[in-house]
N, C-alpha and C. Protein backbone atom coordinates (compact mmCIF):
# COMPACT_ATOMS: atom_id res chain seq x y z
N UNK A 1 -13.77 2.55 12.86
CA UNK A 1 -14.61 3.01 13.94
C UNK A 1 -13.79 3.00 15.22
N UNK A 2 -13.91 4.03 15.98
CA UNK A 2 -13.19 4.13 17.24
C UNK A 2 -13.82 3.19 18.27
N UNK A 3 -12.96 2.49 19.00
CA UNK A 3 -13.44 1.59 20.05
C UNK A 3 -13.97 2.42 21.22
N UNK A 4 -14.86 1.84 22.02
CA UNK A 4 -15.35 2.56 23.19
C UNK A 4 -14.19 3.02 24.07
N UNK A 5 -14.25 4.27 24.51
CA UNK A 5 -13.19 4.82 25.35
C UNK A 5 -12.04 5.40 24.56
N UNK A 6 -12.07 5.30 23.24
CA UNK A 6 -11.01 5.83 22.41
C UNK A 6 -11.64 6.85 21.47
N UNK A 7 -11.12 8.07 21.50
CA UNK A 7 -11.77 9.10 20.68
C UNK A 7 -11.41 8.93 19.21
N UNK A 8 -12.21 9.52 18.36
CA UNK A 8 -12.05 9.37 16.92
C UNK A 8 -10.73 9.95 16.42
N UNK A 9 -10.26 11.04 17.03
CA UNK A 9 -8.99 11.65 16.58
C UNK A 9 -7.82 10.71 16.81
N UNK A 10 -7.76 10.07 17.97
CA UNK A 10 -6.65 9.15 18.23
C UNK A 10 -6.71 7.95 17.29
N UNK A 11 -7.91 7.49 16.95
CA UNK A 11 -8.06 6.38 16.01
C UNK A 11 -7.62 6.83 14.61
N UNK A 12 -7.97 8.05 14.22
CA UNK A 12 -7.57 8.58 12.91
C UNK A 12 -6.06 8.70 12.82
N UNK A 13 -5.42 9.15 13.88
CA UNK A 13 -3.96 9.27 13.90
C UNK A 13 -3.32 7.89 13.81
N UNK A 14 -3.87 6.94 14.52
CA UNK A 14 -3.37 5.56 14.46
C UNK A 14 -3.44 5.01 13.04
N UNK A 15 -4.58 5.24 12.37
CA UNK A 15 -4.75 4.75 11.00
C UNK A 15 -3.81 5.48 10.04
N UNK A 16 -3.62 6.78 10.23
CA UNK A 16 -2.71 7.55 9.38
C UNK A 16 -1.29 7.04 9.52
N UNK A 17 -0.87 6.74 10.73
CA UNK A 17 0.48 6.20 10.94
C UNK A 17 0.65 4.85 10.25
N UNK A 18 -0.39 4.03 10.30
CA UNK A 18 -0.34 2.73 9.63
C UNK A 18 -0.21 2.91 8.12
N UNK A 19 -1.02 3.80 7.55
CA UNK A 19 -0.93 4.05 6.11
C UNK A 19 0.44 4.60 5.72
N UNK A 20 0.96 5.50 6.52
CA UNK A 20 2.26 6.11 6.22
C UNK A 20 3.41 5.11 6.33
N UNK A 21 3.18 4.01 7.02
CA UNK A 21 4.25 3.02 7.17
C UNK A 21 4.44 2.18 5.91
N UNK A 22 3.47 2.23 5.00
CA UNK A 22 3.57 1.47 3.75
C UNK A 22 4.33 2.29 2.71
N UNK A 23 5.08 1.60 1.84
CA UNK A 23 5.79 2.33 0.78
C UNK A 23 4.83 3.13 -0.08
N UNK A 24 5.21 4.35 -0.40
CA UNK A 24 4.35 5.23 -1.17
C UNK A 24 3.97 4.65 -2.52
N UNK A 25 4.90 3.93 -3.16
CA UNK A 25 4.59 3.34 -4.46
C UNK A 25 3.44 2.36 -4.35
N UNK A 26 3.39 1.59 -3.28
CA UNK A 26 2.28 0.64 -3.08
C UNK A 26 0.96 1.38 -2.98
N UNK A 27 0.95 2.46 -2.20
CA UNK A 27 -0.30 3.22 -2.03
C UNK A 27 -0.75 3.84 -3.34
N UNK A 28 0.20 4.41 -4.10
CA UNK A 28 -0.16 5.01 -5.39
C UNK A 28 -0.69 3.95 -6.35
N UNK A 29 -0.03 2.80 -6.40
CA UNK A 29 -0.46 1.74 -7.32
C UNK A 29 -1.84 1.21 -6.96
N UNK A 30 -2.10 1.05 -5.67
CA UNK A 30 -3.43 0.58 -5.25
C UNK A 30 -4.49 1.59 -5.65
N UNK A 31 -4.23 2.86 -5.40
CA UNK A 31 -5.20 3.90 -5.75
C UNK A 31 -5.42 3.95 -7.25
N UNK A 32 -4.33 3.86 -8.03
CA UNK A 32 -4.44 3.90 -9.48
C UNK A 32 -5.24 2.71 -10.01
N UNK A 33 -5.01 1.54 -9.43
CA UNK A 33 -5.75 0.35 -9.87
C UNK A 33 -7.25 0.52 -9.64
N UNK A 34 -7.63 1.13 -8.53
CA UNK A 34 -9.05 1.33 -8.25
C UNK A 34 -9.63 2.40 -9.17
N UNK A 35 -8.91 3.52 -9.32
CA UNK A 35 -9.44 4.62 -10.13
C UNK A 35 -9.54 4.27 -11.61
N UNK A 36 -8.65 3.43 -12.10
CA UNK A 36 -8.60 3.20 -13.54
C UNK A 36 -9.44 2.02 -14.01
N UNK A 37 -10.11 1.34 -13.11
CA UNK A 37 -10.87 0.15 -13.49
C UNK A 37 -12.24 0.12 -12.83
N UNK A 38 -13.20 -0.36 -13.61
CA UNK A 38 -14.55 -0.44 -13.06
C UNK A 38 -15.10 -1.87 -13.07
N UNK A 39 -14.40 -2.79 -13.75
CA UNK A 39 -14.86 -4.17 -13.64
C UNK A 39 -13.80 -4.97 -12.88
N UNK A 40 -14.26 -5.93 -12.10
CA UNK A 40 -13.38 -6.64 -11.17
C UNK A 40 -12.25 -7.39 -11.85
N UNK A 41 -12.53 -8.06 -12.96
CA UNK A 41 -11.49 -8.83 -13.63
C UNK A 41 -10.37 -7.90 -14.12
N UNK A 42 -10.76 -6.82 -14.75
CA UNK A 42 -9.77 -5.86 -15.22
C UNK A 42 -9.01 -5.25 -14.04
N UNK A 43 -9.72 -4.95 -12.96
CA UNK A 43 -9.07 -4.36 -11.80
C UNK A 43 -8.05 -5.32 -11.19
N UNK A 44 -8.40 -6.59 -11.10
CA UNK A 44 -7.47 -7.57 -10.53
C UNK A 44 -6.24 -7.75 -11.42
N UNK A 45 -6.44 -7.76 -12.73
CA UNK A 45 -5.31 -7.86 -13.65
C UNK A 45 -4.39 -6.65 -13.52
N UNK A 46 -4.99 -5.48 -13.41
CA UNK A 46 -4.20 -4.26 -13.26
C UNK A 46 -3.47 -4.25 -11.93
N UNK A 47 -4.15 -4.65 -10.87
CA UNK A 47 -3.52 -4.72 -9.55
C UNK A 47 -2.34 -5.68 -9.58
N UNK A 48 -2.48 -6.81 -10.25
CA UNK A 48 -1.38 -7.76 -10.39
C UNK A 48 -0.21 -7.11 -11.13
N UNK A 49 -0.51 -6.41 -12.22
CA UNK A 49 0.53 -5.74 -13.00
C UNK A 49 1.28 -4.73 -12.13
N UNK A 50 0.55 -3.87 -11.43
CA UNK A 50 1.19 -2.87 -10.58
C UNK A 50 1.93 -3.52 -9.42
N UNK A 51 1.35 -4.56 -8.85
CA UNK A 51 2.01 -5.27 -7.74
C UNK A 51 3.32 -5.88 -8.16
N UNK A 52 3.35 -6.50 -9.34
CA UNK A 52 4.60 -7.07 -9.83
C UNK A 52 5.63 -5.99 -10.10
N UNK A 53 5.17 -4.83 -10.60
CA UNK A 53 6.08 -3.71 -10.81
C UNK A 53 6.66 -3.21 -9.50
N UNK A 54 5.82 -3.16 -8.48
CA UNK A 54 6.29 -2.74 -7.16
C UNK A 54 7.35 -3.69 -6.64
N UNK A 55 7.10 -4.99 -6.75
CA UNK A 55 8.08 -5.98 -6.30
C UNK A 55 9.38 -5.87 -7.08
N UNK A 56 9.26 -5.68 -8.38
CA UNK A 56 10.46 -5.55 -9.22
C UNK A 56 11.31 -4.38 -8.76
N UNK A 57 10.67 -3.27 -8.42
CA UNK A 57 11.41 -2.10 -7.96
C UNK A 57 11.94 -2.26 -6.54
N UNK A 58 11.24 -3.04 -5.73
CA UNK A 58 11.63 -3.19 -4.33
C UNK A 58 12.77 -4.19 -4.14
N UNK A 59 12.86 -5.19 -5.00
CA UNK A 59 13.87 -6.23 -4.80
C UNK A 59 15.30 -5.71 -4.72
N UNK A 60 15.73 -4.81 -5.61
CA UNK A 60 17.10 -4.30 -5.47
C UNK A 60 17.32 -3.59 -4.13
N UNK A 61 16.31 -2.89 -3.63
CA UNK A 61 16.44 -2.22 -2.34
C UNK A 61 16.55 -3.23 -1.21
N UNK A 62 15.77 -4.31 -1.29
CA UNK A 62 15.84 -5.36 -0.28
C UNK A 62 17.21 -6.03 -0.32
N UNK A 63 17.71 -6.32 -1.50
CA UNK A 63 19.02 -6.96 -1.64
C UNK A 63 20.11 -6.06 -1.07
N UNK A 64 20.00 -4.77 -1.32
CA UNK A 64 20.99 -3.82 -0.79
C UNK A 64 20.94 -3.81 0.73
N UNK A 65 19.74 -3.82 1.30
CA UNK A 65 19.58 -3.83 2.74
C UNK A 65 20.14 -5.12 3.34
N UNK A 66 19.80 -6.26 2.74
CA UNK A 66 20.23 -7.55 3.26
C UNK A 66 21.75 -7.68 3.18
N UNK A 67 22.35 -7.13 2.16
CA UNK A 67 23.81 -7.25 2.02
C UNK A 67 24.55 -6.53 3.14
N UNK A 68 23.89 -5.60 3.82
CA UNK A 68 24.52 -4.86 4.92
C UNK A 68 24.37 -5.56 6.26
N UNK A 69 23.60 -6.65 6.29
CA UNK A 69 23.39 -7.37 7.56
C UNK A 69 24.59 -8.21 7.91
């Protein structure tokens, strides 16, 4: 919801920038976890599975970045 004095378009742009700042794999995995599950326990297990996969894929990139510091 847009705060008083702030129009809805500027709030939408702000939210879009925030979403775009997250890695695309995270966004896809979150969406897939929601779409593919209808009970909470199964959804949480799936989210954990996708989250661990995301971390597994991200760690080599983080290590590569850190090695350049």
